[in-house]
Amino acid sequence: MIPITQNVEEPNQVNYIIGLLKAENDTAVSSHLEQLHAAEIAGLLESLPPELRQHLWTLTPKETEGGILTYLGEEVRGSIIGKMEDADLVAATETMNVEDLANVIDELSDDVSEAVLESLNDDRRQRLEAALSFNENTAGRLMSSDVISVRKDVTLSVVLRYLRRLKPLPTHTDALMVTDENGSYLGKLMLADAVSEHPETVVSTIMREAADWVQANANEHDVAVLFQRRDLISVAVVDEHTKLLGRITIDNIVDIIVAEADKALLASAGLVEDEDLFAPVLPSTKRRAVWLGLNLITVFLAVWVIGLFEAVLEEIVVLAILMPIVASMGGIAGSQTLTLTIRGLALGQVSNANLRWLGNKELQVGY
């Protein structure tokens, strides 16, 4: 865990910052922000009303702005980007890795996007264009091209000398990808094996042939399920001809899992993902109006049905007592079914083949 400075506990970070902002103690705020991780600053920004959020953003260290933007939710990031100068936006993108930049660049204006592309060197520009060539929410958009590959016919001593020249290694490097002379993926050489086996051992004798891989057009949800079921740290990404394109690491998958969990939770209440908790009233009202309108229609339908049995209710008053009980129990049973179904969908346990059986079972439970 990243230590919190000035003995401020995590739940009190927001109170502490708001207190400093209201006291107009910008010096103390800036000093505190310099000691926080970019993810923590992003969390603070998402926890502030618009006016204080914008003020806090002006006090953040310039060198961390790119990192902070990548941690922000899409709506909050959009509200901040919309008020930044073009030059500041271009400068912020210079510190982003290519994968994060590919997610952010779509939210920039055409002029800023062109300026960002012009500021990149040839290598980063090519990697960015390659990432943007894949659809959103696919393995190709998620992967990093920062991958180390070796040939199967070399010895471990050659591999180790190669690694020493490359240091530092890319983060989350648990394995080296093994390819042939055409760049086609053959398997993995685990880093633990590379450093523990005899130096004269040939890679092909200890590599894991045809180890886990995904195609670039695979859905990111399916990739996350693969990581979860097989306890992976990284996986190779290949094209339709099995040519190695890059790799996906566990840190990317954690982000996907968290995002999907948030989306499922919000969807159960009729809300969209990445909704800004402190968004203006009018946009929030528009987003919630559809769900509330549907709920209102169902309430009127229930009232109409009750009206059809008005005479019966007058004769058997005890039925009126049962009405709120039935409504409450039905609501709870529905919420339980919805929660379990959303979880099953997220885990890939619900499909067309078992949907009817599941529906019949939940109907019987509710009955």
Protein backbone atom coordinates (compact mmCIF):
# COMPACT_ATOMS: atom_id res chain seq x y z
CA MET A 1 0.00 0.00 0.00
CA ILE A 2 1.21 3.50 -0.79
CA PRO A 3 1.80 5.36 2.50
CA ILE A 4 -0.41 8.34 3.21
CA THR A 5 1.57 11.39 4.24
CA GLN A 6 1.09 13.69 7.20
CA ASN A 7 -0.64 10.90 9.17
CA VAL A 8 -3.87 11.44 7.28
CA GLU A 9 -5.90 8.21 7.11
CA GLU A 10 -7.41 7.21 3.77
CA PRO A 11 -11.09 7.92 4.72
CA ASN A 12 -10.12 11.40 5.92
CA GLN A 13 -8.20 12.44 2.81
CA VAL A 14 -11.24 14.20 1.33
CA ASN A 15 -12.05 16.04 4.57
CA TYR A 16 -8.44 17.10 4.94
CA ILE A 17 -8.16 18.47 1.40
CA ILE A 18 -11.55 20.20 1.46
CA GLY A 19 -10.60 21.85 4.74
CA LEU A 20 -7.36 23.18 3.24
CA LEU A 21 -9.11 24.36 0.07
CA LYS A 22 -11.81 26.21 1.98
CA ALA A 23 -9.15 27.80 4.16
CA GLU A 24 -7.41 28.89 0.92
CA ASN A 25 -4.21 27.24 2.12
CA ASP A 26 -2.92 26.44 -1.36
CA THR A 27 0.65 26.00 -0.16
CA ALA A 28 -0.32 23.18 2.19
CA VAL A 29 -2.44 21.55 -0.53
CA SER A 30 0.39 21.64 -3.06
CA SER A 31 2.84 20.24 -0.52
CA HIS A 32 0.46 17.41 0.33
CA LEU A 33 -0.26 16.55 -3.31
CA GLU A 34 3.45 16.26 -4.08
CA GLN A 35 3.62 13.30 -1.70
CA LEU A 36 0.62 11.43 -3.09
CA HIS A 37 0.42 8.86 -5.85
CA ALA A 38 -1.36 9.89 -9.06
CA ALA A 39 -4.15 7.38 -8.32
CA GLU A 40 -4.76 8.99 -4.91
CA ILE A 41 -4.97 12.45 -6.44
CA ALA A 42 -7.43 11.11 -9.01
CA GLY A 43 -9.55 9.72 -6.18
CA LEU A 44 -9.54 13.11 -4.47
CA LEU A 45 -10.59 14.87 -7.67
CA GLU A 46 -13.52 12.49 -8.13
CA SER A 47 -14.61 13.19 -4.55
CA LEU A 48 -14.87 16.98 -4.91
CA PRO A 49 -17.63 19.27 -6.21
CA PRO A 50 -16.82 20.94 -9.56
CA GLU A 51 -15.52 24.22 -8.16
CA LEU A 52 -13.15 22.64 -5.64
CA ARG A 53 -12.15 19.99 -8.18
CA GLN A 54 -11.00 22.59 -10.68
CA HIS A 55 -9.11 24.46 -7.98
CA LEU A 56 -7.37 21.28 -6.83
CA TRP A 57 -6.42 20.46 -10.42
CA THR A 58 -4.61 23.78 -10.77
CA LEU A 59 -2.50 22.85 -7.73
CA THR A 60 -1.47 19.37 -8.90
CA PRO A 61 2.18 18.87 -9.91
CA LYS A 62 2.50 19.31 -13.68
CA GLU A 63 4.65 16.21 -14.06
CA THR A 64 1.87 13.99 -12.67
CA GLU A 65 -1.03 15.37 -14.72
CA GLY A 66 -0.75 12.68 -17.40
CA GLY A 67 -0.81 9.89 -14.84
CA ILE A 68 -3.75 11.44 -12.99
CA LEU A 69 -5.81 11.71 -16.17
CA THR A 70 -5.40 7.99 -16.87
CA TYR A 71 -6.77 7.09 -13.42
CA LEU A 72 -9.84 9.33 -13.66
CA GLY A 73 -13.27 8.10 -14.71
CA GLU A 74 -14.26 9.09 -18.22
CA GLU A 75 -16.82 11.72 -17.21
CA VAL A 76 -14.61 13.38 -14.61
CA ARG A 77 -11.65 13.32 -17.01
CA GLY A 78 -13.79 14.96 -19.67
CA SER A 79 -14.77 17.77 -17.31
CA ILE A 80 -11.11 18.51 -16.57
CA ILE A 81 -9.87 18.15 -20.14
CA GLY A 82 -12.55 20.55 -21.32
CA LYS A 83 -11.00 23.35 -19.25
CA MET A 84 -7.33 22.68 -19.99
CA GLU A 85 -5.25 24.67 -22.43
CA ASP A 86 -4.19 22.80 -25.57
CA ALA A 87 -0.52 23.15 -24.76
CA ASP A 88 -1.05 21.75 -21.25
CA LEU A 89 -2.96 18.79 -22.67
CA VAL A 90 -0.17 17.98 -25.11
CA ALA A 91 2.39 18.22 -22.31
CA ALA A 92 0.31 15.91 -20.09
CA THR A 93 0.12 13.22 -22.76
CA GLU A 94 3.91 13.08 -23.05
CA THR A 95 4.12 11.19 -19.73
CA MET A 96 1.42 8.64 -20.62
CA ASN A 97 2.26 5.19 -21.88
CA VAL A 98 0.93 4.33 -25.31
CA GLU A 99 -1.93 2.15 -24.04
CA ASP A 100 -3.31 4.88 -21.77
CA LEU A 101 -2.84 7.50 -24.48
CA ALA A 102 -4.89 5.38 -26.88
CA ASN A 103 -7.81 5.51 -24.43
CA VAL A 104 -7.52 9.25 -23.80
CA ILE A 105 -6.83 10.58 -27.30
CA ASP A 106 -10.39 9.84 -28.48
CA GLU A 107 -11.65 12.35 -25.92
CA LEU A 108 -9.49 15.18 -27.26
CA SER A 109 -10.46 17.63 -29.94
CA ASP A 110 -9.14 17.08 -33.46
CA ASP A 111 -6.66 19.95 -33.16
CA VAL A 112 -5.25 18.65 -29.87
CA SER A 113 -5.12 15.08 -31.17
CA GLU A 114 -3.09 16.24 -34.18
CA ALA A 115 -0.78 18.20 -31.91
CA VAL A 116 -0.29 15.14 -29.71
CA LEU A 117 0.56 12.97 -32.71
CA GLU A 118 3.05 15.54 -33.97
CA SER A 119 4.76 15.65 -30.57
CA LEU A 120 5.41 11.89 -30.55
CA ASN A 121 8.59 10.32 -31.83
CA ASP A 122 8.34 7.79 -34.65
CA ASP A 123 8.34 4.75 -32.35
CA ARG A 124 5.58 6.01 -30.04
CA ARG A 125 3.51 7.24 -32.99
CA GLN A 126 3.66 3.87 -34.69
CA ARG A 127 2.74 2.06 -31.48
CA LEU A 128 -0.15 4.45 -30.88
CA GLU A 129 -1.48 4.06 -34.42
CA ALA A 130 -1.22 0.29 -34.04
CA ALA A 131 -3.24 0.42 -30.80
CA LEU A 132 -5.88 2.69 -32.34
CA SER A 133 -6.30 0.27 -35.25
CA PHE A 134 -8.06 -2.15 -32.88
CA ASN A 135 -11.63 -1.73 -31.67
CA GLU A 136 -12.28 -0.53 -28.14
CA ASN A 137 -12.74 -3.18 -25.45
CA THR A 138 -10.56 -5.68 -27.31
CA ALA A 139 -7.27 -7.32 -26.39
CA GLY A 140 -5.49 -5.31 -29.09
CA ARG A 141 -6.46 -2.01 -27.47
CA LEU A 142 -5.58 -3.36 -24.03
CA MET A 143 -2.19 -4.87 -24.81
CA SER A 144 1.26 -3.37 -24.42
CA SER A 145 3.74 -3.68 -27.26
CA ASP A 146 6.53 -3.45 -24.67
CA VAL A 147 7.31 -7.17 -24.78
CA ILE A 148 10.55 -9.17 -24.76
CA SER A 149 10.86 -12.07 -27.20
CA VAL A 150 13.61 -14.64 -27.69
CA ARG A 151 14.29 -17.48 -30.14
CA LYS A 152 13.86 -21.09 -29.11
CA ASP A 153 17.26 -22.22 -30.38
CA VAL A 154 19.41 -19.98 -28.17
CA THR A 155 20.86 -20.86 -24.76
CA LEU A 156 19.92 -19.29 -21.45
CA SER A 157 23.33 -17.61 -21.19
CA VAL A 158 22.54 -15.71 -24.39
CA VAL A 159 19.11 -14.80 -23.03
CA LEU A 160 20.55 -13.50 -19.75
CA ARG A 161 23.15 -11.37 -21.52
CA TYR A 162 20.35 -9.95 -23.66
CA LEU A 163 18.28 -9.13 -20.58
CA ARG A 164 21.16 -7.35 -18.88
CA ARG A 165 21.47 -5.03 -21.86
CA LEU A 166 17.75 -4.26 -21.72
CA LYS A 167 17.48 -3.34 -18.04
CA PRO A 168 15.26 -2.18 -16.58
CA LEU A 169 12.83 -4.85 -17.73
CA PRO A 170 9.22 -3.96 -18.53
CA THR A 171 6.99 -4.07 -15.46
CA HIS A 172 5.25 -7.35 -14.62
CA THR A 173 7.71 -9.37 -16.67
CA ASP A 174 7.11 -12.93 -15.47
CA ALA A 175 8.00 -14.58 -18.78
CA LEU A 176 9.72 -14.01 -22.10
CA MET A 177 7.79 -14.72 -25.29
CA VAL A 178 9.38 -17.29 -27.60
CA THR A 179 9.04 -16.69 -31.35
CA ASP A 180 10.41 -18.14 -34.55
CA GLU A 181 12.39 -16.23 -37.19
CA ASN A 182 9.13 -14.84 -38.63
CA GLY A 183 7.89 -13.49 -35.30
CA SER A 184 5.24 -16.18 -34.84
CA TYR A 185 4.41 -17.02 -31.24
CA LEU A 186 5.65 -20.41 -30.04
CA GLY A 187 5.34 -20.26 -26.26
CA LYS A 188 6.74 -18.79 -23.06
CA LEU A 189 10.05 -18.96 -21.27
CA MET A 190 9.31 -18.34 -17.61
CA LEU A 191 11.74 -15.85 -16.09
CA ALA A 192 12.16 -18.07 -13.02
CA ASP A 193 13.34 -20.92 -15.28
CA ALA A 194 15.68 -18.63 -17.21
CA VAL A 195 17.60 -17.62 -14.08
CA SER A 196 17.56 -20.98 -12.29
CA GLU A 197 18.40 -23.49 -15.03
CA HIS A 198 21.93 -24.23 -16.33
CA PRO A 199 23.23 -21.40 -18.56
CA GLU A 200 23.88 -23.77 -21.45
CA THR A 201 20.28 -25.03 -21.49
CA VAL A 202 18.55 -24.36 -24.79
CA VAL A 203 15.30 -22.38 -24.58
CA SER A 204 13.31 -24.99 -26.52
CA THR A 205 13.94 -27.64 -23.85
CA ILE A 206 12.33 -25.72 -20.98
CA MET A 207 9.88 -23.35 -22.70
CA ARG A 208 6.16 -23.81 -22.28
CA GLU A 209 5.01 -24.55 -25.80
CA ALA A 210 1.80 -22.91 -27.02
CA ALA A 211 1.30 -21.33 -23.59
CA ASP A 212 -1.78 -19.17 -23.05
CA TRP A 213 -2.39 -16.59 -25.76
CA VAL A 214 -5.29 -14.51 -27.06
CA GLN A 215 -6.05 -12.99 -30.42
CA ALA A 216 -5.97 -9.23 -30.75
CA ASN A 217 -9.70 -9.03 -31.58
CA ALA A 218 -10.73 -11.00 -28.46
CA ASN A 219 -13.14 -9.24 -26.12
CA GLU A 220 -11.46 -7.82 -23.03
CA HIS A 221 -14.06 -9.50 -20.80
CA ASP A 222 -13.06 -12.91 -22.15
CA VAL A 223 -9.43 -12.05 -21.51
CA ALA A 224 -10.24 -11.11 -17.91
CA VAL A 225 -12.04 -14.44 -17.42
CA LEU A 226 -8.99 -16.27 -18.78
CA PHE A 227 -6.70 -14.50 -16.29
CA GLN A 228 -9.07 -15.27 -13.44
CA ARG A 229 -9.49 -18.95 -14.22
CA ARG A 230 -5.83 -19.69 -14.93
CA ASP A 231 -4.19 -17.33 -12.41
CA LEU A 232 -2.11 -15.63 -15.09
CA ILE A 233 0.24 -12.69 -14.68
CA SER A 234 0.67 -12.03 -18.38
CA VAL A 235 -0.56 -13.43 -21.68
CA ALA A 236 0.66 -13.09 -25.26
CA VAL A 237 -1.46 -11.29 -27.87
CA VAL A 238 -1.23 -12.53 -31.46
CA ASP A 239 -2.85 -11.72 -34.79
CA GLU A 240 -4.81 -14.12 -37.01
CA HIS A 241 -1.51 -15.60 -38.24
CA THR A 242 -0.22 -16.15 -34.65
CA LYS A 243 2.36 -13.38 -35.06
CA LEU A 244 3.27 -11.91 -31.69
CA LEU A 245 1.91 -8.37 -31.27
CA GLY A 246 2.32 -7.69 -27.55
CA ARG A 247 1.20 -8.83 -24.12
CA ILE A 248 -1.47 -8.12 -21.54
CA THR A 249 -0.49 -7.99 -17.87
CA ILE A 250 -2.40 -8.46 -14.65
CA ASP A 251 -2.51 -4.74 -13.81
CA ASN A 252 -4.61 -4.12 -16.94
CA ILE A 253 -6.93 -6.97 -16.01
CA VAL A 254 -7.51 -5.65 -12.50
CA ASP A 255 -8.72 -2.40 -14.08
CA ILE A 256 -11.10 -4.35 -16.34
CA ILE A 257 -12.50 -6.38 -13.43
CA VAL A 258 -13.08 -3.27 -11.32
CA ALA A 259 -14.69 -1.43 -14.24
CA GLU A 260 -17.03 -4.34 -15.00
CA ALA A 261 -18.01 -4.64 -11.34
CA ASP A 262 -18.81 -0.92 -11.21
CA LYS A 263 -20.77 -1.14 -14.45
CA ALA A 264 -22.85 -4.08 -13.21
CA LEU A 265 -23.57 -2.37 -9.91
CA LEU A 266 -24.67 0.87 -11.57
CA ALA A 267 -26.63 -0.95 -14.28
CA SER A 268 -28.72 -2.69 -11.63
CA ALA A 269 -29.95 0.76 -10.61
CA GLY A 270 -30.39 2.02 -14.18
CA LEU A 271 -27.26 4.19 -14.11
CA VAL A 272 -24.43 4.44 -16.62
CA GLU A 273 -20.84 3.56 -15.82
CA ASP A 274 -18.37 6.29 -14.93
CA GLU A 275 -21.14 8.64 -13.85
CA ASP A 276 -19.70 11.60 -12.00
CA LEU A 277 -21.11 11.68 -8.46
CA PHE A 278 -20.77 15.46 -8.47
CA ALA A 279 -22.08 16.10 -11.98
CA PRO A 280 -24.47 19.06 -12.46
CA VAL A 281 -28.15 18.51 -11.61
CA LEU A 282 -29.57 18.68 -15.15
CA PRO A 283 -27.34 16.01 -16.77
CA SER A 284 -27.83 13.71 -13.77
CA THR A 285 -31.59 14.18 -13.97
CA LYS A 286 -31.67 13.33 -17.68
CA ARG A 287 -29.70 10.14 -17.13
CA ARG A 288 -31.99 8.94 -14.34
CA ALA A 289 -35.27 10.05 -15.89
CA VAL A 290 -35.66 7.00 -18.14
CA TRP A 291 -35.29 4.53 -15.28
CA LEU A 292 -37.57 6.56 -13.02
CA GLY A 293 -40.11 6.88 -15.84
CA LEU A 294 -40.21 3.12 -16.35
CA ASN A 295 -40.67 2.63 -12.63
CA LEU A 296 -43.54 5.14 -12.64
CA ILE A 297 -45.26 3.24 -15.46
CA THR A 298 -45.06 -0.02 -13.54
CA VAL A 299 -46.50 1.68 -10.44
CA PHE A 300 -49.47 2.99 -12.45
CA LEU A 301 -49.94 -0.50 -13.86
CA ALA A 302 -50.01 -1.95 -10.36
CA VAL A 303 -52.54 0.68 -9.23
CA TRP A 304 -54.73 -0.14 -12.22
CA VAL A 305 -54.67 -3.84 -11.37
CA ILE A 306 -55.56 -3.10 -7.75
CA GLY A 307 -58.45 -0.94 -8.94
CA LEU A 308 -59.93 -3.91 -10.79
CA PHE A 309 -60.32 -5.68 -7.47
CA GLU A 310 -61.64 -2.72 -5.50
CA ALA A 311 -64.91 -4.49 -4.67
CA VAL A 312 -63.06 -7.55 -3.37
CA LEU A 313 -60.80 -5.39 -1.20
CA GLU A 314 -63.84 -3.70 0.37
CA GLU A 315 -65.26 -7.09 1.34
CA ILE A 316 -61.98 -8.70 2.48
CA VAL A 317 -60.01 -5.93 4.16
CA VAL A 318 -57.18 -8.28 5.17
CA LEU A 319 -56.10 -8.37 1.52
CA ALA A 320 -55.14 -4.70 1.75
CA ILE A 321 -52.77 -5.59 4.57
CA LEU A 322 -51.10 -8.22 2.40
CA MET A 323 -50.49 -5.87 -0.56
CA PRO A 324 -47.39 -4.07 0.81
CA ILE A 325 -46.04 -7.40 2.06
CA VAL A 326 -46.33 -8.96 -1.39
CA ALA A 327 -44.76 -5.90 -3.02
CA SER A 328 -41.86 -5.89 -0.57
CA MET A 329 -41.16 -9.61 -0.88
CA GLY A 330 -41.40 -9.39 -4.66
CA GLY A 331 -38.92 -6.52 -4.72
CA ILE A 332 -36.42 -8.38 -2.55
CA ALA A 333 -36.77 -11.58 -4.59
CA GLY A 334 -36.27 -9.59 -7.78
CA SER A 335 -33.17 -7.86 -6.42
CA GLN A 336 -31.67 -11.20 -5.38
CA THR A 337 -32.34 -12.72 -8.79
CA LEU A 338 -30.92 -9.66 -10.55
CA THR A 339 -27.76 -9.68 -8.42
CA LEU A 340 -27.08 -13.37 -8.98
CA THR A 341 -27.80 -13.11 -12.71
CA ILE A 342 -25.48 -10.13 -13.18
CA ARG A 343 -22.76 -12.00 -11.30
CA GLY A 344 -23.31 -15.05 -13.51
CA LEU A 345 -23.08 -12.93 -16.64
CA ALA A 346 -19.85 -11.35 -15.42
CA LEU A 347 -18.34 -14.77 -14.74
CA GLY A 348 -19.52 -16.19 -18.05
CA GLN A 349 -21.79 -18.73 -16.33
CA VAL A 350 -24.99 -17.69 -18.14
CA SER A 351 -25.51 -18.63 -21.78
CA ASN A 352 -28.34 -19.32 -24.22
CA ALA A 353 -28.07 -23.04 -23.45
CA ASN A 354 -28.81 -22.72 -19.73
CA LEU A 355 -30.88 -19.53 -19.71
CA ARG A 356 -34.27 -21.30 -19.76
CA TRP A 357 -33.34 -23.60 -16.87
CA LEU A 358 -32.08 -20.64 -14.85
CA GLY A 359 -35.23 -18.64 -15.58
CA ASN A 360 -37.51 -21.49 -14.49
CA LYS A 361 -35.50 -21.98 -11.31
CA GLU A 362 -35.67 -18.29 -10.34
CA LEU A 363 -39.41 -18.19 -11.07
CA GLN A 364 -39.93 -21.12 -8.73
CA VAL A 365 -37.79 -19.50 -6.03
CA GLY A 366 -39.77 -16.27 -6.34
CA TYR A 367 -43.08 -18.16 -6.31
